[in-house]
Structure formats: C-alpha cells, structure tokens
Amino acid sequence: MKEIKVKDASPLCTFVPDVEPGIRQPAIGSEDHKCSSICVKSTPEIEKKYVHRVYDAIALHFSSTRFAKWPKVAAFLESLPTGSLILDAGCGNGKYLDLNSSCYFIGCDISPSLIKICADKGHEVLVADAVNLPYRTNFGDAAISIAVLHHLSTENRRKQAIEELVRVVKKGGLVLITVWAVEQEDKSLLTKWTPLAEKYVEEWIGPGSPRVRGPSSPTLESIPETEENGLGGHPKVSRESLTGNMLHSTCSTSQNEDDSLVSEDGRSQQEYFVPWHLPYHRAEVSGASASALANGLAKKDDKKGAVVYNRYYHVFGEGELERLVSGMVNAVIVDKFYDKSNWCIILEKTIQG
C-alpha cells in the first residue's frame, strides 16, 4: 500500500482541487453528468457560512464532546477484514480513525481546524469536500460517512456525495452512511431548532442562502452537546441569493398530531438551523468567535454565558436515504436501519470503476 504522509512541521495536509470544490470533472460527452456538474459544482453559501465556518470556529469545543464511539459504527468497522483500507469522509476529530487496529484508516473533512486536530493525533488526513473526494477510483476496501450528508443543502449534492463514496471503494467494498432523522425520538428537540423556509423545487434560490424566519423566530435553546443526537448510546432494535446576508421572511409552520413541525403545505419540515453553544470561557471565543460575532454569524447569549452558532441541517425522512441511491447502477443496499434518531444504510459496490 502506498504510504500517505502529512507534510511539514504542522501536520496539516490540504487538498486543493483544480476547479472550484464541488464535483469531479465528468466524462466528455456525458450530458447527464454535465447537467449534474452545473447543479453541484459550487458550494452553496449556506454551507460555507453555516457549516464550514461554524465548524472551524467551534472545532476545539466540538472535538472535546466527540469521544464516544457509536456502537453501530464500531461494529461495522470491527467486522471488516484484517488489512482493510477504510476511508472516513467527514471524519471530524477522527474518533473512528483508530478504532480497528488491524485496519488502515484515511480521513478527510471540509474543516481545516478539525483536520489539524486529527493530524496532531498522528492520523492520515487531509482537507477535502465530500462531493469531490481526492481519492483514486477503487482505492479503498470500505468507506464511512457518519453524520455528514445532512449538512449538504441540495439533493444533487447529497446524491453526489454518495456516488463519491461508492466510487472510491473497490468492487465488493462496503459503504456505511448515517444521517439525522426527521423522526426524532425526542420530539422536544425539534422545538429547539429553527425551521428554514421552503425551498423552490430542489435547489436553494440561486447558489446563496435560503430565506429564514424573521424576528418572530423562537429563541434558540440549548441542546445536549456532549452526546448530541444520542449517537453515543446503546443501539436500539433496527427497523426495516448570491448575497452575503440571509434574506428574511416568515416561515409558516405548525404542529401535527405527533408533535413534528410541518410546513404550510402539510409536508414535514426538514430544513433547520441547529444551535451550538460555545461557552465564553473557551479560548476560541477570543479568536474565530470574535470575528463571527462582528460579522453576524453568531450571537451572544449572556444568560447561558455562550456564543451561539447556527449549523445547517437537512434532516432525512424515512426512505429518503434509500431513494437517493435507487438510481445507482454500481451499488446495492445490503442493510438499512433506524438507530438513535438516525437513518442508516450499508451499500455494497457491485461494479468495478
């Protein structure tokens, strides 16, 4: 296996694509791929501001809360053959990169701050976009994407991220994907998130940010951050604009019988801002957070003694993850389950290339 090194005194390796991050260059003459490229080429402004910049700002605090391994992910990784090369796309602080000592792990994440944390631990990592992975086709034996796809703001980008995961593994390779579910076990969490307005068709208006609730939005409340979304618990039984500022408008929502938020046309709300509270005593507050507060990317909550950031999420409905892969000809679903408010699938690559 070719050895991968993280260069220089600061062990941070950054992948710089030849084109704007978003998608690998399609084969010449493929009209379908050309159309797809246009849709996913540019990173939407909402992801830049409310995913990339936020995680860079909260990286150290976020990492300090991410240490417990989710049993379902651990079981998957431990089931892989000795010597397997495993790719973790969206590795965060790298908590899974040393889980199975008999396998080789390589990680990537869009956040340079999180990647530096991984590199400082000695992991083989680099900065990369989930929809434009910098790995050769048929490179790995398995891949994982844990709590990543729900940060991508369009269906086409979510599809592309899945296609990339399948592309980089060998024929017979397995891909585990987990995403937050709209069907949260703790229904009260939904009331602590800020719903976003409806999207037009499947894309945000232009490549910028969607419109969000106006001043009538409820106050953002704290959510459990140490084991956010229950991923550290025991598994349950499985079951089968281009403007810099956010455009404000009212997002009409109501409660249905099972307490989940629904939009005015009766569909379940799936686009949210989920708050992250960065305590004032954290060192990051004097750095990235000072800039974020000045730019309106975060706000102070003196009662809780924290700087509050909003993180963009598209929470998945039942069957949505499967529908994203239904048109793929080079992979099949070998398992699917719901666990601790997450929808999960395992794919097997069926065709080389």
Protein backbone atom coordinates (compact mmCIF):
# COMPACT_ATOMS: atom_id res chain seq x y z
CA MET A 1 0.00 0.00 0.00
CA LYS A 2 1.27 3.45 -0.85
CA GLU A 3 2.23 5.39 2.26
CA ILE A 4 0.45 8.69 2.74
CA LYS A 5 2.27 11.43 4.62
CA VAL A 6 1.08 14.61 6.27
CA LYS A 7 3.73 17.18 5.43
CA ASP A 8 5.64 19.92 7.20
CA ALA A 9 6.06 20.81 10.86
CA SER A 10 2.36 21.40 11.21
CA PRO A 11 0.89 18.04 10.19
CA LEU A 12 -1.87 19.55 8.11
CA CYS A 13 -2.33 18.46 4.53
CA THR A 14 -4.76 20.39 2.36
CA PHE A 15 -6.22 19.13 -0.90
CA VAL A 16 -6.53 21.94 -3.41
CA PRO A 17 -8.69 20.93 -6.39
CA ASP A 18 -8.03 22.20 -9.89
CA VAL A 19 -11.55 23.54 -10.05
CA GLU A 20 -13.91 25.05 -7.52
CA PRO A 21 -14.80 22.40 -4.91
CA GLY A 22 -17.99 20.57 -5.69
CA ILE A 23 -17.60 17.74 -8.19
CA ARG A 24 -15.04 15.77 -10.14
CA GLN A 25 -14.91 16.60 -13.84
CA PRO A 26 -17.40 14.44 -15.77
CA ALA A 27 -16.57 12.33 -18.78
CA ILE A 28 -16.62 14.32 -22.01
CA GLY A 29 -19.83 13.81 -23.93
CA SER A 30 -21.94 12.87 -20.92
CA GLU A 31 -24.86 15.29 -20.97
CA ASP A 32 -26.33 13.89 -17.74
CA HIS A 33 -23.05 14.44 -15.94
CA LYS A 34 -22.72 17.94 -17.41
CA CYS A 35 -26.14 18.85 -16.05
CA SER A 36 -25.25 17.37 -12.68
CA SER A 37 -21.99 19.30 -12.64
CA ILE A 38 -23.79 22.60 -13.03
CA CYS A 39 -26.03 21.75 -10.09
CA VAL A 40 -23.36 20.71 -7.62
CA LYS A 41 -20.19 22.49 -8.77
CA SER A 42 -20.32 25.48 -6.44
CA THR A 43 -20.63 25.16 -2.69
CA PRO A 44 -23.85 26.96 -1.69
CA GLU A 45 -23.39 29.99 0.52
CA ILE A 46 -25.46 28.45 3.28
CA GLU A 47 -22.98 25.59 3.61
CA LYS A 48 -19.98 27.92 3.58
CA LYS A 49 -21.43 30.11 6.31
CA TYR A 50 -23.43 27.71 8.44
CA VAL A 51 -21.38 24.52 8.13
CA HIS A 52 -17.78 25.19 7.07
CA ARG A 53 -17.17 28.41 9.00
CA VAL A 54 -19.10 27.26 12.03
CA TYR A 55 -17.20 24.02 12.47
CA ASP A 56 -13.91 25.85 12.02
CA ALA A 57 -14.94 28.23 14.80
CA ILE A 58 -16.16 25.57 17.25
CA ALA A 59 -13.66 22.83 16.34
CA LEU A 60 -11.87 22.53 19.69
CA HIS A 61 -15.06 22.59 21.75
CA PHE A 62 -16.81 20.27 19.31
CA SER A 63 -13.90 17.84 19.46
CA SER A 64 -13.94 17.81 23.26
CA THR A 65 -17.51 16.47 23.13
CA ARG A 66 -16.82 13.82 20.50
CA PHE A 67 -15.15 10.84 22.09
CA ALA A 68 -17.75 8.06 22.47
CA LYS A 69 -17.94 5.65 19.54
CA TRP A 70 -21.41 4.83 18.22
CA PRO A 71 -21.82 1.05 18.72
CA LYS A 72 -23.33 0.50 15.28
CA VAL A 73 -20.38 2.21 13.58
CA ALA A 74 -17.90 0.37 15.78
CA ALA A 75 -19.49 -2.97 14.95
CA PHE A 76 -19.30 -2.22 11.22
CA LEU A 77 -15.63 -1.25 11.38
CA GLU A 78 -14.70 -4.22 13.55
CA SER A 79 -16.39 -6.59 11.10
CA LEU A 80 -14.07 -5.63 8.24
CA PRO A 81 -11.24 -8.00 7.24
CA THR A 82 -7.74 -7.51 8.59
CA GLY A 83 -5.69 -5.17 6.43
CA SER A 84 -8.70 -3.31 5.04
CA LEU A 85 -8.17 0.30 3.93
CA ILE A 86 -11.04 2.38 5.29
CA LEU A 87 -11.90 5.92 4.12
CA ASP A 88 -13.71 8.19 6.58
CA ALA A 89 -15.30 11.06 4.61
CA GLY A 90 -16.20 13.77 7.10
CA CYS A 91 -14.02 12.39 9.86
CA GLY A 92 -14.45 15.33 12.26
CA ASN A 93 -11.98 14.97 15.10
CA GLY A 94 -11.01 11.49 13.92
CA LYS A 95 -12.60 9.46 16.69
CA TYR A 96 -13.11 6.48 14.37
CA LEU A 97 -9.68 6.61 12.71
CA ASP A 98 -8.04 4.28 15.22
CA LEU A 99 -10.97 2.07 16.12
CA ASN A 100 -9.78 -1.15 14.44
CA SER A 101 -6.03 -1.64 14.88
CA SER A 102 -5.97 -4.37 12.24
CA CYS A 103 -7.11 -1.96 9.51
CA TYR A 104 -5.69 1.16 7.87
CA PHE A 105 -7.64 4.42 8.10
CA ILE A 106 -7.54 7.61 6.00
CA GLY A 107 -9.76 10.56 6.83
CA CYS A 108 -10.87 13.83 5.29
CA ASP A 109 -13.06 16.71 6.37
CA ILE A 110 -14.03 20.12 4.99
CA SER A 111 -12.85 21.84 8.18
CA PRO A 112 -9.10 22.64 8.35
CA SER A 113 -9.43 23.15 12.10
CA LEU A 114 -10.84 19.67 12.65
CA ILE A 115 -8.26 18.16 10.31
CA LYS A 116 -5.47 19.80 12.32
CA ILE A 117 -6.83 18.12 15.44
CA CYS A 118 -6.72 14.77 13.61
CA ALA A 119 -3.22 15.39 12.24
CA ASP A 120 -1.92 16.34 15.67
CA LYS A 121 -3.06 12.90 16.83
CA GLY A 122 -0.99 11.29 14.08
CA HIS A 123 -3.85 10.33 11.77
CA GLU A 124 -3.51 10.24 7.97
CA VAL A 125 -5.87 13.05 6.98
CA LEU A 126 -6.44 15.92 4.56
CA VAL A 127 -8.93 18.70 3.88
CA ALA A 128 -11.43 17.76 1.19
CA ASP A 129 -15.04 18.18 0.07
CA ALA A 130 -17.44 15.26 0.47
CA VAL A 131 -18.76 15.79 -3.06
CA ASN A 132 -15.24 15.83 -4.56
CA LEU A 133 -13.16 13.22 -2.76
CA PRO A 134 -9.43 13.32 -3.66
CA TYR A 135 -9.00 9.56 -3.78
CA ARG A 136 -8.46 7.24 -6.74
CA THR A 137 -11.35 5.18 -8.02
CA ASN A 138 -11.43 1.68 -6.49
CA PHE A 139 -8.94 2.79 -3.82
CA GLY A 140 -10.40 1.63 -0.52
CA ASP A 141 -11.95 -1.53 0.86
CA ALA A 142 -14.68 0.33 2.75
CA ALA A 143 -15.87 3.87 3.46
CA ILE A 144 -17.94 5.57 6.12
CA SER A 145 -19.89 8.84 6.17
CA ILE A 146 -21.11 9.47 9.69
CA ALA A 147 -23.47 12.44 10.21
CA VAL A 148 -22.25 14.31 7.11
CA LEU A 149 -24.87 14.21 4.35
CA HIS A 150 -27.40 16.19 6.39
CA HIS A 151 -25.08 19.22 6.13
CA LEU A 152 -25.41 19.28 2.31
CA SER A 153 -28.14 21.66 1.23
CA THR A 154 -29.37 20.19 -2.08
CA GLU A 155 -30.49 16.76 -3.17
CA ASN A 156 -27.99 16.74 -6.03
CA ARG A 157 -25.10 17.37 -3.65
CA ARG A 158 -26.28 14.61 -1.34
CA LYS A 159 -26.51 12.22 -4.28
CA GLN A 160 -23.05 13.23 -5.48
CA ALA A 161 -21.56 12.61 -2.04
CA ILE A 162 -22.97 9.07 -2.05
CA GLU A 163 -21.69 8.46 -5.58
CA GLU A 164 -18.23 9.59 -4.47
CA LEU A 165 -18.24 7.19 -1.52
CA VAL A 166 -19.08 4.31 -3.85
CA ARG A 167 -16.56 5.43 -6.47
CA VAL A 168 -13.59 5.33 -4.12
CA VAL A 169 -14.12 1.76 -2.87
CA LYS A 170 -13.35 -1.45 -4.73
CA LYS A 171 -15.91 -3.85 -6.13
CA GLY A 172 -17.39 -5.67 -3.16
CA GLY A 173 -16.48 -2.79 -0.86
CA LEU A 174 -18.95 -1.60 1.75
CA VAL A 175 -20.12 1.95 2.49
CA LEU A 176 -21.84 2.91 5.75
CA ILE A 177 -23.85 6.16 5.74
CA THR A 178 -25.72 7.68 8.69
CA VAL A 179 -27.86 10.84 8.77
CA TRP A 180 -30.07 12.60 11.27
CA ALA A 181 -33.75 11.63 11.01
CA VAL A 182 -36.72 13.96 10.97
CA GLU A 183 -38.38 11.27 13.07
CA GLN A 184 -36.55 12.21 16.26
CA GLU A 185 -37.14 10.01 19.30
CA ASP A 186 -37.06 13.12 21.46
CA LYS A 187 -39.73 15.27 19.82
CA SER A 188 -38.89 18.23 22.04
CA LEU A 189 -35.61 18.70 20.15
CA LEU A 190 -37.50 19.91 17.09
CA THR A 191 -38.90 22.83 19.07
CA LYS A 192 -35.34 23.92 19.92
CA TRP A 193 -34.28 24.09 16.29
CA THR A 194 -35.04 26.99 13.95
CA PRO A 195 -37.01 25.90 10.84
CA LEU A 196 -35.97 27.34 7.50
CA ALA A 197 -38.38 28.42 4.78
CA GLU A 198 -39.45 26.08 1.98
CA LYS A 199 -37.09 25.56 -0.94
CA TYR A 200 -38.18 26.23 -4.51
CA VAL A 201 -38.14 22.92 -6.37
CA GLU A 202 -34.98 21.09 -5.20
CA GLU A 203 -32.37 23.83 -5.07
CA TRP A 204 -31.96 26.95 -2.96
CA ILE A 205 -32.76 30.22 -4.72
CA GLY A 206 -29.52 30.75 -6.61
CA PRO A 207 -26.28 29.49 -5.09
CA GLY A 208 -26.78 31.56 -1.95
CA SER A 209 -28.65 31.12 1.28
CA PRO A 210 -32.36 30.33 1.71
CA ARG A 211 -34.74 32.66 3.43
CA VAL A 212 -35.26 32.07 7.13
CA ARG A 213 -37.68 33.10 9.80
CA GLY A 214 -37.85 36.73 10.72
CA PRO A 215 -37.76 38.34 14.16
CA SER A 216 -40.67 36.16 15.29
CA SER A 217 -38.37 33.14 15.44
CA PRO A 218 -38.28 31.42 18.82
CA THR A 219 -35.21 31.88 20.98
CA LEU A 220 -32.57 29.26 20.33
CA GLU A 221 -32.26 26.96 23.30
CA SER A 222 -29.51 24.65 24.42
CA ILE A 223 -29.49 21.06 23.25
CA PRO A 224 -27.37 18.26 24.70
CA GLU A 225 -23.96 18.65 23.10
CA THR A 226 -21.81 16.01 24.78
CA GLU A 227 -23.67 13.13 23.16
CA GLU A 228 -25.68 15.11 20.64
CA ASN A 229 -28.46 13.20 18.93
CA GLY A 230 -27.84 10.11 21.05
CA LEU A 231 -25.04 8.68 18.96
CA GLY A 232 -23.05 7.59 21.99
CA GLY A 233 -25.78 5.40 23.44
CA HIS A 234 -26.53 1.74 23.04
CA PRO A 235 -28.13 0.72 19.74
CA LYS A 236 -31.84 0.13 19.58
CA VAL A 237 -33.60 -2.57 17.66
CA SER A 238 -33.25 -1.94 13.91
CA ARG A 239 -36.21 -1.34 11.61
CA GLU A 240 -36.84 -2.14 8.11
CA SER A 241 -29.08 34.94 -3.41
CA LEU A 242 -25.83 35.38 -4.03
CA THR A 243 -25.87 37.83 -1.14
CA GLY A 244 -23.69 37.68 1.90
CA ASN A 245 -26.61 38.22 4.26
CA MET A 246 -29.54 35.95 4.98
CA LEU A 247 -32.82 37.01 3.37
CA HIS A 248 -35.55 37.15 5.96
CA SER A 249 -39.16 36.06 5.58
CA THR A 250 -41.71 34.27 7.70
CA CYS A 251 -41.72 30.51 7.56
CA SER A 252 -45.20 29.30 8.43
CA THR A 253 -45.16 26.07 10.40
CA SER A 254 -47.47 24.27 12.77
CA GLN A 255 -47.54 21.21 14.96
CA ASN A 256 -49.14 18.00 13.72
CA GLU A 257 -50.56 15.21 15.84
CA ASP A 258 -47.19 13.56 16.51
CA ASP A 259 -45.65 16.91 17.55
CA SER A 260 -43.38 17.20 14.50
CA LEU A 261 -43.20 20.51 12.65
CA VAL A 262 -44.97 20.71 9.30
CA SER A 263 -44.92 23.41 6.64
CA GLU A 264 -47.97 25.27 5.43
CA ASP A 265 -48.48 22.76 2.59
CA GLY A 266 -48.65 19.88 5.08
CA ARG A 267 -45.20 18.41 4.47
CA SER A 268 -42.80 17.66 7.29
CA GLN A 269 -40.22 20.38 7.94
CA GLN A 270 -36.74 19.12 7.08
CA GLU A 271 -34.52 22.22 6.89
CA TYR A 272 -33.24 23.55 10.21
CA PHE A 273 -30.67 25.64 11.98
CA VAL A 274 -29.42 23.67 14.99
CA PRO A 275 -27.66 25.78 17.64
CA TRP A 276 -24.22 25.16 19.09
CA HIS A 277 -23.38 26.94 22.34
CA LEU A 278 -19.71 27.83 22.70
CA PRO A 279 -19.05 28.80 26.35
CA TYR A 280 -17.46 32.18 26.98
CA HIS A 281 -14.56 30.57 28.83
CA ARG A 282 -13.43 28.66 25.76
CA ALA A 283 -10.27 30.01 24.14
CA GLU A 284 -11.95 30.02 20.73
CA VAL A 285 -14.21 32.87 21.81
CA SER A 286 -11.34 35.35 21.58
CA GLY A 287 -10.40 34.20 18.08
CA ALA A 288 -12.81 32.97 15.42
CA SER A 289 -15.85 33.79 17.52
CA ALA A 290 -14.91 37.46 17.82
CA SER A 291 -14.96 37.67 14.03
CA ALA A 292 -18.17 35.65 13.82
CA LEU A 293 -19.92 37.99 16.24
CA ALA A 294 -18.70 41.02 14.30
CA ASN A 295 -19.95 39.53 11.03
CA GLY A 296 -23.30 38.41 12.40
CA LEU A 297 -22.51 34.72 12.02
CA ALA A 298 -23.01 34.17 15.75
CA LYS A 299 -24.71 35.91 18.65
CA LYS A 300 -24.14 36.19 22.38
CA ASP A 301 -26.37 34.59 24.97
CA ASP A 302 -25.34 36.22 28.25
CA LYS A 303 -27.82 34.17 30.27
CA LYS A 304 -26.11 30.97 29.21
CA GLY A 305 -22.67 32.52 29.02
CA ALA A 306 -22.13 31.35 25.46
CA VAL A 307 -21.66 32.38 21.87
CA VAL A 308 -24.42 30.74 19.83
CA TYR A 309 -23.75 29.45 16.32
CA ASN A 310 -26.33 28.09 13.90
CA ARG A 311 -25.49 24.92 11.98
CA TYR A 312 -27.43 24.00 8.84
CA TYR A 313 -29.14 20.59 8.76
CA HIS A 314 -31.38 18.80 6.30
CA VAL A 315 -32.91 16.04 8.39
CA PHE A 316 -33.90 12.92 6.46
CA GLY A 317 -37.32 11.36 6.29
CA GLU A 318 -37.94 7.61 6.29
CA GLY A 319 -36.95 6.10 2.94
CA GLU A 320 -35.23 9.27 1.70
CA LEU A 321 -31.72 7.89 2.01
CA GLU A 322 -32.70 4.77 0.05
CA ARG A 323 -34.32 6.89 -2.67
CA LEU A 324 -31.07 8.78 -3.17
CA VAL A 325 -29.31 5.57 -4.16
CA SER A 326 -32.21 3.94 -6.02
CA GLY A 327 -30.88 5.02 -9.43
CA MET A 328 -27.31 3.89 -8.88
CA VAL A 329 -26.23 1.00 -11.11
CA ASN A 330 -22.98 0.21 -9.32
CA ALA A 331 -24.19 -0.35 -5.77
CA VAL A 332 -26.93 -2.12 -3.83
CA ILE A 333 -28.30 -1.67 -0.34
CA VAL A 334 -27.34 -4.62 1.85
CA ASP A 335 -28.71 -3.22 5.12
CA LYS A 336 -30.80 -0.32 6.33
CA PHE A 337 -31.89 0.59 9.83
CA TYR A 338 -33.01 3.31 12.22
CA ASP A 339 -30.93 3.81 15.33
CA LYS A 340 -30.96 6.56 17.92
CA SER A 341 -32.77 9.10 15.72
CA ASN A 342 -30.59 8.33 12.69
CA TRP A 343 -31.35 6.68 9.36
CA CYS A 344 -28.55 4.41 8.24
CA ILE A 345 -27.72 2.31 5.18
CA ILE A 346 -24.90 0.00 4.16
CA LEU A 347 -24.12 -0.19 0.44
CA GLU A 348 -22.06 -2.76 -1.45
CA LYS A 349 -20.29 -1.78 -4.66
CA THR A 350 -21.22 -4.21 -7.42
CA ILE A 351 -19.32 -2.92 -10.45
CA GLN A 352 -15.63 -2.06 -10.70
CA GLY A 353 -14.89 1.56 -11.59
